[in-house]
């Protein structure tokens, strides 16, 4: 049957996801004043992402190997502040597009 009254799920923006992750960390006793090792993940053709990888490494990131051979994962220590994270994710989305990849998001672990 037709679903005239069902609403489509709203797509969550990267900034909303950033805030949710920071809220989760705070809820779990995180100390946002301390540096966190933040991992950034990118999906795409690994051969084509070589230039993106070089750009990230030249920007001070370290490649995280062994997690998967289907994604590029890099890390960098940084303080978690919502404005800074939003700026970083905006830049990563822009750079991923420029290098024909997709920014898959970021992660970290609580620091107490």
Protein backbone atom coordinates (compact mmCIF):
# COMPACT_ATOMS: atom_id res chain seq x y z
CA UNK A 1 0.00 0.00 0.00
CA UNK A 2 1.03 3.61 -0.34
CA UNK A 3 2.73 5.29 2.59
CA UNK A 4 1.41 8.80 2.18
CA UNK A 5 1.70 9.67 5.85
CA UNK A 6 5.13 8.27 6.59
CA UNK A 7 7.88 10.79 6.84
CA UNK A 8 11.33 10.18 5.48
CA UNK A 9 14.03 9.94 8.10
CA UNK A 10 15.96 13.19 8.30
CA UNK A 11 19.60 12.96 7.32
CA UNK A 12 21.82 13.97 10.22
CA UNK A 13 24.47 16.53 9.36
CA UNK A 14 28.14 16.01 10.16
CA UNK A 15 27.97 18.87 12.67
CA UNK A 16 25.10 17.14 14.50
CA UNK A 17 27.09 13.89 14.55
CA UNK A 18 30.08 15.80 15.94
CA UNK A 19 27.96 17.20 18.76
CA UNK A 20 26.46 13.78 19.50
CA UNK A 21 29.91 12.22 19.81
CA UNK A 22 31.19 14.98 22.09
CA UNK A 23 28.02 14.71 24.22
CA UNK A 24 28.59 10.94 24.46
CA UNK A 25 32.19 11.46 25.58
CA UNK A 26 31.14 13.99 28.24
CA UNK A 27 28.39 11.66 29.46
CA UNK A 28 31.03 8.96 29.90
CA UNK A 29 33.30 11.14 32.04
CA UNK A 30 35.63 12.42 29.32
CA UNK A 31 38.05 15.23 30.08
CA UNK A 32 37.78 17.46 27.01
CA UNK A 33 40.67 19.57 28.30
CA UNK A 34 43.12 16.78 27.46
CA UNK A 35 44.32 15.92 23.96
CA UNK A 36 42.62 12.98 22.25
CA UNK A 37 43.94 10.79 19.48
CA UNK A 38 41.35 11.48 16.79
CA UNK A 39 41.03 9.08 13.87
CA UNK A 40 39.67 10.28 10.54
CA UNK A 41 38.36 7.74 8.01
CA UNK A 42 38.00 8.02 4.25
CA UNK A 43 36.42 5.63 1.75
CA UNK A 44 37.14 5.31 -1.93
CA UNK A 45 39.46 3.75 -4.43
CA UNK A 46 42.71 3.21 -2.54
CA UNK A 47 44.85 3.90 -5.62
CA UNK A 48 43.05 7.18 -6.25
CA UNK A 49 43.29 8.16 -2.58
CA UNK A 50 47.10 8.17 -2.71
CA UNK A 51 47.17 11.94 -3.21
CA UNK A 52 44.74 12.45 -0.32
CA UNK A 53 46.92 10.24 1.87
CA UNK A 54 50.01 12.29 0.96
CA UNK A 55 48.18 15.54 1.70
CA UNK A 56 47.06 14.22 5.11
CA UNK A 57 50.52 12.93 6.03
CA UNK A 58 52.06 16.26 5.02
CA UNK A 59 49.45 17.96 7.25
CA UNK A 60 50.76 16.15 10.34
CA UNK A 61 48.49 13.10 10.40
CA UNK A 62 49.77 9.55 10.90
CA UNK A 63 48.40 6.64 8.89
CA UNK A 64 46.63 3.98 10.94
CA UNK A 65 47.30 0.62 9.35
CA UNK A 66 45.88 -2.81 10.01
CA UNK A 67 42.25 -1.77 10.53
CA UNK A 68 41.08 -2.32 6.98
CA UNK A 69 42.46 -2.35 3.48
CA UNK A 70 39.29 -0.75 2.12
CA UNK A 71 39.60 2.59 3.90
CA UNK A 72 42.22 5.21 4.56
CA UNK A 73 42.45 5.94 8.29
CA UNK A 74 44.71 8.61 9.76
CA UNK A 75 45.11 9.96 13.27
CA UNK A 76 46.28 13.12 14.96
CA UNK A 77 46.28 14.24 18.59
CA UNK A 78 44.01 17.22 19.19
CA UNK A 79 41.79 18.88 21.75
CA UNK A 80 38.08 18.27 21.36
CA UNK A 81 36.10 21.46 21.04
CA UNK A 82 32.94 21.51 18.93
CA UNK A 83 33.94 24.52 16.81
CA UNK A 84 37.34 23.00 16.08
CA UNK A 85 35.89 19.58 15.25
CA UNK A 86 33.29 21.15 12.96
CA UNK A 87 36.04 23.08 11.16
CA UNK A 88 38.16 19.92 10.77
CA UNK A 89 35.27 17.79 9.47
CA UNK A 90 34.27 20.54 7.03
CA UNK A 91 37.84 20.61 5.73
CA UNK A 92 38.02 16.80 5.52
CA UNK A 93 34.75 16.63 3.56
CA UNK A 94 36.07 19.29 1.16
CA UNK A 95 39.44 17.56 0.70
CA UNK A 96 37.83 14.14 0.25
CA UNK A 97 35.69 15.50 -2.59
CA UNK A 98 38.72 17.15 -4.15
CA UNK A 99 40.52 13.77 -4.16
CA UNK A 100 37.45 11.74 -5.30
CA UNK A 101 36.93 10.08 -1.93
CA UNK A 102 34.32 10.21 0.80
CA UNK A 103 34.92 11.40 4.35
CA UNK A 104 33.47 8.63 6.52
CA UNK A 105 33.78 10.41 9.87
CA UNK A 106 35.94 10.54 12.96
CA UNK A 107 36.33 8.67 16.20
CA UNK A 108 38.22 8.75 19.46
CA UNK A 109 38.19 7.18 22.90
CA UNK A 110 37.25 8.80 26.21
CA UNK A 111 40.18 10.34 28.05
CA UNK A 112 39.74 10.75 31.80
